[in-house]
Amino acid sequence: AIGLATNIIDLRDYKPAALKAERNLLVIIATHGLGEPPDGTEDF
């Protein structure tokens, strides 16, 4: 709405090696259980 372009990706679907090409990144991430990352984010 204010003219910024974004690309939203679920960490389950993200190819971690693509991080090296990123320039602007926002990570929104939950902790569950006893301090574990969300299921499906193991590769990341």
PDB file of all heavy atoms in Angstrom:
ATOM      1  N   ALA A   1       0.811  -1.218   0.000  1.00  0.00           N
ATOM      2  CA  ALA A   1       0.000   0.000   0.000  1.00  0.00           C
ATOM      3  C   ALA A   1       0.844   1.266   0.000  1.00  0.00           C
ATOM      4  O   ALA A   1       0.381   2.315  -0.450  1.00  0.00           O
ATOM      5  CB  ALA A   1      -0.949   0.004   1.204  1.00  0.00           C
ATOM      6  N   ILE A   2       2.082   1.175   0.495  1.00  0.00           N
ATOM      7  CA  ILE A   2       2.953   2.357   0.482  1.00  0.00           C
ATOM      8  C   ILE A   2       4.056   2.236  -0.578  1.00  0.00           C
ATOM      9  O   ILE A   2       5.027   2.982  -0.558  1.00  0.00           O
ATOM     10  CB  ILE A   2       3.552   2.638   1.876  1.00  0.00           C
ATOM     11  CG1 ILE A   2       4.426   1.489   2.381  1.00  0.00           C
ATOM     12  CG2 ILE A   2       2.456   2.981   2.867  1.00  0.00           C
ATOM     13  CD1 ILE A   2       5.252   1.825   3.598  1.00  0.00           C
ATOM     14  N   GLY A   3       3.909   1.266  -1.480  1.00  0.00           N
ATOM     15  CA  GLY A   3       4.807   1.180  -2.619  1.00  0.00           C
ATOM     16  C   GLY A   3       6.024   0.288  -2.451  1.00  0.00           C
ATOM     17  O   GLY A   3       6.910   0.316  -3.296  1.00  0.00           O
ATOM     18  N   LEU A   4       6.071  -0.520  -1.399  1.00  0.00           N
ATOM     19  CA  LEU A   4       7.199  -1.440  -1.225  1.00  0.00           C
ATOM     20  C   LEU A   4       6.855  -2.803  -1.808  1.00  0.00           C
ATOM     21  O   LEU A   4       5.755  -3.317  -1.597  1.00  0.00           O
ATOM     22  CB  LEU A   4       7.543  -1.611   0.262  1.00  0.00           C
ATOM     23  CG  LEU A   4       8.082  -0.388   0.976  1.00  0.00           C
ATOM     24  CD1 LEU A   4       8.237  -0.676   2.465  1.00  0.00           C
ATOM     25  CD2 LEU A   4       9.411   0.035   0.382  1.00  0.00           C
ATOM     26  N   ALA A   5       7.796  -3.380  -2.513  1.00  0.00           N
ATOM     27  CA  ALA A   5       7.600  -4.712  -3.085  1.00  0.00           C
ATOM     28  C   ALA A   5       8.052  -5.771  -2.080  1.00  0.00           C
ATOM     29  O   ALA A   5       9.091  -5.611  -1.434  1.00  0.00           O
ATOM     30  CB  ALA A   5       8.403  -4.845  -4.370  1.00  0.00           C
ATOM     31  N   THR A   6       7.263  -6.821  -1.940  1.00  0.00           N
ATOM     32  CA  THR A   6       7.614  -7.902  -1.026  1.00  0.00           C
ATOM     33  C   THR A   6       7.444  -9.243  -1.715  1.00  0.00           C
ATOM     34  O   THR A   6       6.716  -9.368  -2.706  1.00  0.00           O
ATOM     35  CB  THR A   6       6.735  -7.898   0.242  1.00  0.00           C
ATOM     36  OG1 THR A   6       5.374  -8.066  -0.127  1.00  0.00           O
ATOM     37  CG2 THR A   6       6.923  -6.623   1.046  1.00  0.00           C
ATOM     38  N   ASN A   7       8.100 -10.221  -1.160  1.00  0.00           N
ATOM     39  CA  ASN A   7       7.989 -11.600  -1.605  1.00  0.00           C
ATOM     40  C   ASN A   7       7.860 -12.433  -0.334  1.00  0.00           C
ATOM     41  O   ASN A   7       8.793 -12.469   0.461  1.00  0.00           O
ATOM     42  CB  ASN A   7       9.233 -11.984  -2.411  1.00  0.00           C
ATOM     43  CG  ASN A   7       9.133 -13.373  -2.990  1.00  0.00           C
ATOM     44  OD1 ASN A   7       8.045 -13.894  -3.202  1.00  0.00           O
ATOM     45  ND2 ASN A   7      10.270 -13.975  -3.229  1.00  0.00           N
ATOM     46  N   ILE A   8       6.708 -13.064  -0.126  1.00  0.00           N
ATOM     47  CA  ILE A   8       6.474 -13.857   1.082  1.00  0.00           C
ATOM     48  C   ILE A   8       6.740 -15.323   0.781  1.00  0.00           C
ATOM     49  O   ILE A   8       6.224 -15.860  -0.200  1.00  0.00           O
ATOM     50  CB  ILE A   8       5.010 -13.727   1.552  1.00  0.00           C
ATOM     51  CG1 ILE A   8       4.621 -12.288   1.774  1.00  0.00           C
ATOM     52  CG2 ILE A   8       4.782 -14.556   2.799  1.00  0.00           C
ATOM     53  CD1 ILE A   8       3.148 -12.127   2.079  1.00  0.00           C
ATOM     54  N   ILE A   9       7.514 -15.965   1.666  1.00  0.00           N
ATOM     55  CA  ILE A   9       7.824 -17.378   1.472  1.00  0.00           C
ATOM     56  C   ILE A   9       7.790 -18.104   2.817  1.00  0.00           C
ATOM     57  O   ILE A   9       8.415 -17.659   3.780  1.00  0.00           O
ATOM     58  CB  ILE A   9       9.225 -17.572   0.835  1.00  0.00           C
ATOM     59  CG1 ILE A   9       9.348 -16.748  -0.446  1.00  0.00           C
ATOM     60  CG2 ILE A   9       9.492 -19.057   0.559  1.00  0.00           C
ATOM     61  CD1 ILE A   9      10.748 -16.701  -1.012  1.00  0.00           C
ATOM     62  N   ASP A  10       7.089 -19.218   2.851  1.00  0.00           N
ATOM     63  CA  ASP A  10       7.082 -20.100   4.013  1.00  0.00           C
ATOM     64  C   ASP A  10       8.458 -20.767   4.092  1.00  0.00           C
ATOM     65  O   ASP A  10       8.980 -21.240   3.074  1.00  0.00           O
ATOM     66  CB  ASP A  10       5.982 -21.159   3.834  1.00  0.00           C
ATOM     67  CG  ASP A  10       5.762 -22.027   5.050  1.00  0.00           C
ATOM     68  OD1 ASP A  10       6.713 -22.267   5.825  1.00  0.00           O
ATOM     69  OD2 ASP A  10       4.625 -22.504   5.216  1.00  0.00           O
ATOM     70  N   LEU A  11       9.047 -20.792   5.269  1.00  0.00           N
ATOM     71  CA  LEU A  11      10.367 -21.425   5.420  1.00  0.00           C
ATOM     72  C   LEU A  11      10.357 -22.883   4.993  1.00  0.00           C
ATOM     73  O   LEU A  11      11.404 -23.422   4.621  1.00  0.00           O
ATOM     74  CB  LEU A  11      10.866 -21.302   6.861  1.00  0.00           C
ATOM     75  CG  LEU A  11      11.486 -19.967   7.213  1.00  0.00           C
ATOM     76  CD1 LEU A  11      11.779 -19.880   8.706  1.00  0.00           C
ATOM     77  CD2 LEU A  11      12.760 -19.732   6.416  1.00  0.00           C
ATOM     78  N   ARG A  12       9.202 -23.519   5.033  1.00  0.00           N
ATOM     79  CA  ARG A  12       9.098 -24.911   4.572  1.00  0.00           C
ATOM     80  C   ARG A  12       9.397 -25.023   3.082  1.00  0.00           C
ATOM     81  O   ARG A  12       9.820 -26.062   2.604  1.00  0.00           O
ATOM     82  CB  ARG A  12       7.705 -25.466   4.851  1.00  0.00           C
ATOM     83  CG  ARG A  12       7.384 -25.662   6.296  1.00  0.00           C
ATOM     84  CD  ARG A  12       5.914 -26.104   6.459  1.00  0.00           C
ATOM     85  NE  ARG A  12       5.605 -26.370   7.830  1.00  0.00           N
ATOM     86  CZ  ARG A  12       5.009 -25.516   8.653  1.00  0.00           C
ATOM     87  NH1 ARG A  12       4.659 -24.321   8.221  1.00  0.00           N
ATOM     88  NH2 ARG A  12       4.761 -25.841   9.897  1.00  0.00           N
ATOM     89  N   ASP A  13       9.119 -23.946   2.335  1.00  0.00           N
ATOM     90  CA  ASP A  13       9.280 -23.945   0.881  1.00  0.00           C
ATOM     91  C   ASP A  13      10.534 -23.206   0.411  1.00  0.00           C
ATOM     92  O   ASP A  13      10.818 -23.194  -0.783  1.00  0.00           O
ATOM     93  CB  ASP A  13       8.062 -23.283   0.224  1.00  0.00           C
ATOM     94  CG  ASP A  13       6.768 -23.970   0.586  1.00  0.00           C
ATOM     95  OD1 ASP A  13       6.774 -25.210   0.721  1.00  0.00           O
ATOM     96  OD2 ASP A  13       5.742 -23.272   0.757  1.00  0.00           O
ATOM     97  N   TYR A  14      11.239 -22.590   1.318  1.00  0.00           N
ATOM     98  CA  TYR A  14      12.382 -21.746   0.962  1.00  0.00           C
ATOM     99  C   TYR A  14      13.632 -22.593   0.753  1.00  0.00           C
ATOM    100  O   TYR A  14      13.927 -23.489   1.544  1.00  0.00           O
ATOM    101  CB  TYR A  14      12.624 -20.723   2.075  1.00  0.00           C
ATOM    102  CG  TYR A  14      13.628 -19.658   1.738  1.00  0.00           C
ATOM    103  CD1 TYR A  14      13.344 -18.686   0.794  1.00  0.00           C
ATOM    104  CD2 TYR A  14      14.860 -19.617   2.377  1.00  0.00           C
ATOM    105  CE1 TYR A  14      14.254 -17.681   0.494  1.00  0.00           C
ATOM    106  CE2 TYR A  14      15.778 -18.619   2.090  1.00  0.00           C
ATOM    107  CZ  TYR A  14      15.469 -17.656   1.142  1.00  0.00           C
ATOM    108  OH  TYR A  14      16.376 -16.668   0.848  1.00  0.00           O
ATOM    109  N   LYS A  15      14.352 -22.310  -0.302  1.00  0.00           N
ATOM    110  CA  LYS A  15      15.642 -22.967  -0.561  1.00  0.00           C
ATOM    111  C   LYS A  15      16.708 -22.175   0.184  1.00  0.00           C
ATOM    112  O   LYS A  15      17.036 -21.047  -0.196  1.00  0.00           O
ATOM    113  CB  LYS A  15      15.960 -22.992  -2.058  1.00  0.00           C
ATOM    114  CG  LYS A  15      14.888 -23.654  -2.900  1.00  0.00           C
ATOM    115  CD  LYS A  15      14.755 -25.110  -2.569  1.00  0.00           C
ATOM    116  CE  LYS A  15      13.704 -25.754  -3.450  1.00  0.00           C
ATOM    117  NZ  LYS A  15      12.947 -26.769  -2.785  1.00  0.00           N
ATOM    118  N   PRO A  16      17.252 -22.722   1.280  1.00  0.00           N
ATOM    119  CA  PRO A  16      18.159 -21.957   2.148  1.00  0.00           C
ATOM    120  C   PRO A  16      19.350 -21.326   1.441  1.00  0.00           C
ATOM    121  O   PRO A  16      19.774 -20.236   1.810  1.00  0.00           O
ATOM    122  CB  PRO A  16      18.616 -22.987   3.180  1.00  0.00           C
ATOM    123  CG  PRO A  16      17.569 -24.031   3.175  1.00  0.00           C
ATOM    124  CD  PRO A  16      17.029 -24.073   1.775  1.00  0.00           C
ATOM    125  N   ALA A  17      19.868 -21.968   0.408  1.00  0.00           N
ATOM    126  CA  ALA A  17      21.014 -21.394  -0.303  1.00  0.00           C
ATOM    127  C   ALA A  17      20.663 -20.063  -0.965  1.00  0.00           C
ATOM    128  O   ALA A  17      21.547 -19.272  -1.283  1.00  0.00           O
ATOM    129  CB  ALA A  17      21.549 -22.384  -1.330  1.00  0.00           C
ATOM    130  N   ALA A  18      19.372 -19.781  -1.144  1.00  0.00           N
ATOM    131  CA  ALA A  18      18.940 -18.516  -1.738  1.00  0.00           C
ATOM    132  C   ALA A  18      19.219 -17.327  -0.820  1.00  0.00           C
ATOM    133  O   ALA A  18      19.206 -16.182  -1.271  1.00  0.00           O
ATOM    134  CB  ALA A  18      17.450 -18.577  -2.078  1.00  0.00           C
ATOM    135  N   LEU A  19      19.517 -17.589   0.453  1.00  0.00           N
ATOM    136  CA  LEU A  19      19.829 -16.491   1.386  1.00  0.00           C
ATOM    137  C   LEU A  19      20.980 -15.629   0.892  1.00  0.00           C
ATOM    138  O   LEU A  19      20.980 -14.418   1.088  1.00  0.00           O
ATOM    139  CB  LEU A  19      20.193 -17.053   2.765  1.00  0.00           C
ATOM    140  CG  LEU A  19      19.076 -17.262   3.756  1.00  0.00           C
ATOM    141  CD1 LEU A  19      19.608 -17.922   5.022  1.00  0.00           C
ATOM    142  CD2 LEU A  19      18.389 -15.962   4.090  1.00  0.00           C
ATOM    143  N   LYS A  20      21.961 -16.246   0.248  1.00  0.00           N
ATOM    144  CA  LYS A  20      23.130 -15.481  -0.191  1.00  0.00           C
ATOM    145  C   LYS A  20      22.782 -14.425  -1.239  1.00  0.00           C
ATOM    146  O   LYS A  20      23.506 -13.455  -1.404  1.00  0.00           O
ATOM    147  CB  LYS A  20      24.230 -16.408  -0.697  1.00  0.00           C
ATOM    148  CG  LYS A  20      23.866 -17.201  -1.909  1.00  0.00           C
ATOM    149  CD  LYS A  20      24.939 -18.198  -2.278  1.00  0.00           C
ATOM    150  CE  LYS A  20      24.417 -19.135  -3.337  1.00  0.00           C
ATOM    151  NZ  LYS A  20      25.087 -20.389  -3.354  1.00  0.00           N
ATOM    152  N   ALA A  21      21.645 -14.591  -1.930  1.00  0.00           N
ATOM    153  CA  ALA A  21      21.229 -13.609  -2.936  1.00  0.00           C
ATOM    154  C   ALA A  21      20.282 -12.549  -2.370  1.00  0.00           C
ATOM    155  O   ALA A  21      20.024 -11.539  -3.024  1.00  0.00           O
ATOM    156  CB  ALA A  21      20.549 -14.322  -4.103  1.00  0.00           C
ATOM    157  N   GLU A  22      19.779 -12.756  -1.169  1.00  0.00           N
ATOM    158  CA  GLU A  22      18.848 -11.799  -0.573  1.00  0.00           C
ATOM    159  C   GLU A  22      19.595 -10.529  -0.166  1.00  0.00           C
ATOM    160  O   GLU A  22      20.740 -10.575   0.241  1.00  0.00           O
ATOM    161  CB  GLU A  22      18.166 -12.385   0.667  1.00  0.00           C
ATOM    162  CG  GLU A  22      17.370 -13.633   0.424  1.00  0.00           C
ATOM    163  CD  GLU A  22      16.084 -13.425  -0.359  1.00  0.00           C
ATOM    164  OE1 GLU A  22      15.724 -12.271  -0.655  1.00  0.00           O
ATOM    165  OE2 GLU A  22      15.446 -14.438  -0.689  1.00  0.00           O
ATOM    166  N   ARG A  23      18.909  -9.392  -0.259  1.00  0.00           N
ATOM    167  CA  ARG A  23      19.498  -8.128   0.183  1.00  0.00           C
ATOM    168  C   ARG A  23      18.698  -7.503   1.324  1.00  0.00           C
ATOM    169  O   ARG A  23      19.248  -6.820   2.165  1.00  0.00           O
ATOM    170  CB  ARG A  23      19.606  -7.138  -0.978  1.00  0.00           C
ATOM    171  CG  ARG A  23      20.602  -7.560  -2.037  1.00  0.00           C
ATOM    172  CD  ARG A  23      22.011  -7.641  -1.449  1.00  0.00           C
ATOM    173  NE  ARG A  23      22.920  -8.337  -2.322  1.00  0.00           N
ATOM    174  CZ  ARG A  23      23.368  -9.584  -2.134  1.00  0.00           C
ATOM    175  NH1 ARG A  23      22.986 -10.277  -1.099  1.00  0.00           N
ATOM    176  NH2 ARG A  23      24.206 -10.132  -2.979  1.00  0.00           N
ATOM    177  N   ASN A  24      17.379  -7.719   1.332  1.00  0.00           N
ATOM    178  CA  ASN A  24      16.494  -7.168   2.355  1.00  0.00           C
ATOM    179  C   ASN A  24      15.581  -8.292   2.836  1.00  0.00           C
ATOM    180  O   ASN A  24      14.811  -8.835   2.049  1.00  0.00           O
ATOM    181  CB  ASN A  24      15.664  -6.014   1.788  1.00  0.00           C
ATOM    182  CG  ASN A  24      16.543  -4.890   1.298  1.00  0.00           C
ATOM    183  OD1 ASN A  24      17.286  -4.300   2.068  1.00  0.00           O
ATOM    184  ND2 ASN A  24      16.473  -4.596   0.011  1.00  0.00           N
ATOM    185  N   LEU A  25      15.682  -8.606   4.119  1.00  0.00           N
ATOM    186  CA  LEU A  25      15.002  -9.786   4.641  1.00  0.00           C
ATOM    187  C   LEU A  25      14.328  -9.489   5.969  1.00  0.00           C
ATOM    188  O   LEU A  25      14.928  -8.876   6.858  1.00  0.00           O
ATOM    189  CB  LEU A  25      16.022 -10.914   4.844  1.00  0.00           C
ATOM    190  CG  LEU A  25      15.514 -12.223   5.435  1.00  0.00           C
ATOM    191  CD1 LEU A  25      14.618 -12.950   4.436  1.00  0.00           C
ATOM    192  CD2 LEU A  25      16.695 -13.104   5.821  1.00  0.00           C
ATOM    193  N   LEU A  26      13.088  -9.920   6.077  1.00  0.00           N
ATOM    194  CA  LEU A  26      12.383  -9.910   7.349  1.00  0.00           C
ATOM    195  C   LEU A  26      12.018 -11.356   7.654  1.00  0.00           C
ATOM    196  O   LEU A  26      11.412 -12.027   6.820  1.00  0.00           O
ATOM    197  CB  LEU A  26      11.121  -9.058   7.289  1.00  0.00           C
ATOM    198  CG  LEU A  26      10.233  -9.108   8.531  1.00  0.00           C
ATOM    199  CD1 LEU A  26      10.968  -8.584   9.771  1.00  0.00           C
ATOM    200  CD2 LEU A  26       8.949  -8.337   8.312  1.00  0.00           C
ATOM    201  N   VAL A  27      12.400 -11.829   8.832  1.00  0.00           N
ATOM    202  CA  VAL A  27      12.053 -13.176   9.264  1.00  0.00           C
ATOM    203  C   VAL A  27      11.020 -13.049  10.383  1.00  0.00           C
ATOM    204  O   VAL A  27      11.274 -12.383  11.391  1.00  0.00           O
ATOM    205  CB  VAL A  27      13.285 -13.959   9.767  1.00  0.00           C
ATOM    206  CG1 VAL A  27      12.880 -15.357  10.215  1.00  0.00           C
ATOM    207  CG2 VAL A  27      14.362 -14.020   8.683  1.00  0.00           C
ATOM    208  N   ILE A  28       9.872 -13.678  10.170  1.00  0.00           N
ATOM    209  CA  ILE A  28       8.822 -13.739  11.191  1.00  0.00           C
ATOM    210  C   ILE A  28       8.719 -15.205  11.569  1.00  0.00           C
ATOM    211  O   ILE A  28       8.334 -16.037  10.735  1.00  0.00           O
ATOM    212  CB  ILE A  28       7.472 -13.218  10.659  1.00  0.00           C
ATOM    213  CG1 ILE A  28       7.613 -11.778  10.164  1.00  0.00           C
ATOM    214  CG2 ILE A  28       6.407 -13.334  11.744  1.00  0.00           C
ATOM    215  CD1 ILE A  28       6.370 -11.234   9.490  1.00  0.00           C
ATOM    216  N   ILE A  29       9.106 -15.525  12.802  1.00  0.00           N
ATOM    217  CA  ILE A  29       9.186 -16.935  13.159  1.00  0.00           C
ATOM    218  C   ILE A  29       8.700 -17.202  14.576  1.00  0.00           C
ATOM    219  O   ILE A  29       8.992 -16.447  15.491  1.00  0.00           O
ATOM    220  CB  ILE A  29      10.612 -17.487  12.940  1.00  0.00           C
ATOM    221  CG1 ILE A  29      10.614 -18.989  13.049  1.00  0.00           C
ATOM    222  CG2 ILE A  29      11.610 -16.827  13.863  1.00  0.00           C
ATOM    223  CD1 ILE A  29      11.746 -19.649  12.288  1.00  0.00           C
ATOM    224  N   ALA A  30       7.966 -18.293  14.696  1.00  0.00           N
ATOM    225  CA  ALA A  30       7.416 -18.710  15.982  1.00  0.00           C
ATOM    226  C   ALA A  30       8.329 -19.742  16.633  1.00  0.00           C
ATOM    227  O   ALA A  30       9.030 -20.490  15.958  1.00  0.00           O
ATOM    228  CB  ALA A  30       6.025 -19.303  15.779  1.00  0.00           C
ATOM    229  N   THR A  31       8.294 -19.755  17.942  1.00  0.00           N
ATOM    230  CA  THR A  31       8.925 -20.808  18.726  1.00  0.00           C
ATOM    231  C   THR A  31       7.783 -21.670  19.252  1.00  0.00           C
ATOM    232  O   THR A  31       6.771 -21.154  19.702  1.00  0.00           O
ATOM    233  CB  THR A  31       9.709 -20.216  19.916  1.00  0.00           C
ATOM    234  OG1 THR A  31      10.747 -19.388  19.392  1.00  0.00           O
ATOM    235  CG2 THR A  31      10.305 -21.301  20.786  1.00  0.00           C
ATOM    236  N   HIS A  32       7.943 -22.975  19.174  1.00  0.00           N
ATOM    237  CA  HIS A  32       6.886 -23.828  19.719  1.00  0.00           C
ATOM    238  C   HIS A  32       7.510 -24.891  20.614  1.00  0.00           C
ATOM    239  O   HIS A  32       8.725 -25.044  20.678  1.00  0.00           O
ATOM    240  CB  HIS A  32       6.036 -24.442  18.591  1.00  0.00           C
ATOM    241  CG  HIS A  32       6.643 -25.621  17.923  1.00  0.00           C
ATOM    242  ND1 HIS A  32       6.278 -26.901  18.228  1.00  0.00           N
ATOM    243  CD2 HIS A  32       7.594 -25.727  16.977  1.00  0.00           C
ATOM    244  CE1 HIS A  32       6.986 -27.752  17.489  1.00  0.00           C
ATOM    245  NE2 HIS A  32       7.774 -27.057  16.726  1.00  0.00           N
ATOM    246  N   GLY A  33       6.646 -25.585  21.306  1.00  0.00           N
ATOM    247  CA  GLY A  33       7.133 -26.623  22.214  1.00  0.00           C
ATOM    248  C   GLY A  33       8.058 -26.028  23.263  1.00  0.00           C
ATOM    249  O   GLY A  33       7.779 -24.995  23.845  1.00  0.00           O
ATOM    250  N   LEU A  34       9.177 -26.683  23.454  1.00  0.00           N
ATOM    251  CA  LEU A  34      10.155 -26.223  24.445  1.00  0.00           C
ATOM    252  C   LEU A  34      11.338 -25.561  23.753  1.00  0.00           C
ATOM    253  O   LEU A  34      12.498 -25.928  23.947  1.00  0.00           O
ATOM    254  CB  LEU A  34      10.609 -27.395  25.324  1.00  0.00           C
ATOM    255  CG  LEU A  34       9.488 -28.035  26.142  1.00  0.00           C
ATOM    256  CD1 LEU A  34       9.987 -29.257  26.885  1.00  0.00           C
ATOM    257  CD2 LEU A  34       8.899 -27.017  27.113  1.00  0.00           C
ATOM    258  N   GLY A  35      11.039 -24.582  22.916  1.00  0.00           N
ATOM    259  CA  GLY A  35      12.087 -23.808  22.262  1.00  0.00           C
ATOM    260  C   GLY A  35      12.442 -24.269  20.863  1.00  0.00           C
ATOM    261  O   GLY A  35      13.471 -23.876  20.332  1.00  0.00           O
ATOM    262  N   GLU A  36      11.601 -25.094  20.245  1.00  0.00           N
ATOM    263  CA  GLU A  36      11.909 -25.626  18.919  1.00  0.00           C
ATOM    264  C   GLU A  36      11.395 -24.727  17.794  1.00  0.00           C
ATOM    265  O   GLU A  36      10.395 -24.027  17.957  1.00  0.00           O
ATOM    266  CB  GLU A  36      11.285 -27.013  18.730  1.00  0.00           C
ATOM    267  CG  GLU A  36      11.861 -28.093  19.603  1.00  0.00           C
ATOM    268  CD  GLU A  36      11.053 -28.268  20.879  1.00  0.00           C
ATOM    269  OE1 GLU A  36       9.838 -27.986  20.878  1.00  0.00           O
ATOM    270  OE2 GLU A  36      11.641 -28.662  21.881  1.00  0.00           O
ATOM    271  N   PRO A  37      12.073 -24.812  16.650  1.00  0.00           N
ATOM    272  CA  PRO A  37      11.563 -24.123  15.459  1.00  0.00           C
ATOM    273  C   PRO A  37      10.306 -24.836  14.954  1.00  0.00           C
ATOM    274  O   PRO A  37      10.066 -25.996  15.296  1.00  0.00           O
ATOM    275  CB  PRO A  37      12.694 -24.267  14.434  1.00  0.00           C
ATOM    276  CG  PRO A  37      13.843 -24.869  15.130  1.00  0.00           C
ATOM    277  CD  PRO A  37      13.371 -25.436  16.420  1.00  0.00           C
ATOM    278  N   PRO A  38       9.530 -24.178  14.117  1.00  0.00           N
ATOM    279  CA  PRO A  38       8.332 -24.811  13.554  1.00  0.00           C
ATOM    280  C   PRO A  38       8.693 -26.049  12.720  1.00  0.00           C
ATOM    281  O   PRO A  38       9.770 -26.115  12.103  1.00  0.00           O
ATOM    282  CB  PRO A  38       7.739 -23.720  12.654  1.00  0.00           C
ATOM    283  CG  PRO A  38       8.279 -22.446  13.193  1.00  0.00           C
ATOM    284  CD  PRO A  38       9.643 -22.780  13.703  1.00  0.00           C
ATOM    285  N   ASP A  39       7.788 -27.011  12.702  1.00  0.00           N
ATOM    286  CA  ASP A  39       7.984 -28.211  11.887  1.00  0.00           C
ATOM    287  C   ASP A  39       8.184 -27.828  10.434  1.00  0.00           C
ATOM    288  O   ASP A  39       7.561 -26.891   9.933  1.00  0.00           O
ATOM    289  CB  ASP A  39       6.774 -29.145  12.003  1.00  0.00           C
ATOM    290  CG  ASP A  39       6.673 -29.812  13.361  1.00  0.00           C
ATOM    291  OD1 ASP A  39       7.717 -29.927  14.045  1.00  0.00           O
ATOM    292  OD2 ASP A  39       5.558 -30.226  13.729  1.00  0.00           O
ATOM    293  N   GLY A  40       9.037 -28.554   9.753  1.00  0.00           N
ATOM    294  CA  GLY A  40       9.281 -28.322   8.335  1.00  0.00           C
ATOM    295  C   GLY A  40      10.371 -27.315   8.037  1.00  0.00           C
ATOM    296  O   GLY A  40      10.689 -27.071   6.871  1.00  0.00           O
ATOM    297  N   THR A  41      10.956 -26.708   9.065  1.00  0.00           N
ATOM    298  CA  THR A  41      11.990 -25.693   8.839  1.00  0.00           C
ATOM    299  C   THR A  41      13.399 -26.254   9.084  1.00  0.00           C
ATOM    300  O   THR A  41      14.361 -25.503   9.140  1.00  0.00           O
ATOM    301  CB  THR A  41      11.763 -24.459   9.734  1.00  0.00           C
ATOM    302  OG1 THR A  41      11.835 -24.855  11.112  1.00  0.00           O
ATOM    303  CG2 THR A  41      10.402 -23.825   9.456  1.00  0.00           C
ATOM    304  N   GLU A  42      13.502 -27.570   9.192  1.00  0.00           N
ATOM    305  CA  GLU A  42      14.789 -28.193   9.511  1.00  0.00           C
ATOM    306  C   GLU A  42      15.876 -27.871   8.486  1.00  0.00           C
ATOM    307  O   GLU A  42      17.025 -27.610   8.868  1.00  0.00           O
ATOM    308  CB  GLU A  42      14.628 -29.722   9.631  1.00  0.00           C
ATOM    309  CG  GLU A  42      13.748 -30.161  10.765  1.00  0.00           C
ATOM    310  CD  GLU A  42      12.243 -30.147  10.444  1.00  0.00           C
ATOM    311  OE1 GLU A  42      11.858 -29.841   9.292  1.00  0.00           O
ATOM    312  OE2 GLU A  42      11.467 -30.433  11.366  1.00  0.00           O
ATOM    313  N   ASP A  43      15.543 -27.882   7.194  1.00  0.00           N
ATOM    314  CA  ASP A  43      16.552 -27.581   6.163  1.00  0.00           C
ATOM    315  C   ASP A  43      17.106 -26.172   6.328  1.00  0.00           C
ATOM    316  O   ASP A  43      18.313 -25.945   6.206  1.00  0.00           O
ATOM    317  CB  ASP A  43      15.962 -27.739   4.758  1.00  0.00           C
ATOM    318  CG  ASP A  43      15.715 -29.187   4.379  1.00  0.00           C
ATOM    319  OD1 ASP A  43      16.236 -30.089   5.073  1.00  0.00           O
ATOM    320  OD2 ASP A  43      14.991 -29.418   3.390  1.00  0.00           O
ATOM    321  N   PHE A  44      16.218 -25.224   6.591  1.00  0.00           N
ATOM    322  CA  PHE A  44      16.654 -23.838   6.782  1.00  0.00           C
ATOM    323  C   PHE A  44      17.620 -23.734   7.960  1.00  0.00           C
ATOM    324  O   PHE A  44      18.686 -23.132   7.852  1.00  0.00           O
ATOM    325  CB  PHE A  44      15.443 -22.928   7.000  1.00  0.00           C
ATOM    326  CG  PHE A  44      15.808 -21.506   7.309  1.00  0.00           C
ATOM    327  CD1 PHE A  44      16.177 -20.637   6.303  1.00  0.00           C
ATOM    328  CD2 PHE A  44      15.786 -21.031   8.614  1.00  0.00           C
ATOM    329  CE1 PHE A  44      16.527 -19.308   6.587  1.00  0.00           C
ATOM    330  CE2 PHE A  44      16.123 -19.724   8.912  1.00  0.00           C
ATOM    331  CZ  PHE A  44      16.496 -18.859   7.897  1.00  0.00           C
TER     332      PHE A  44
END
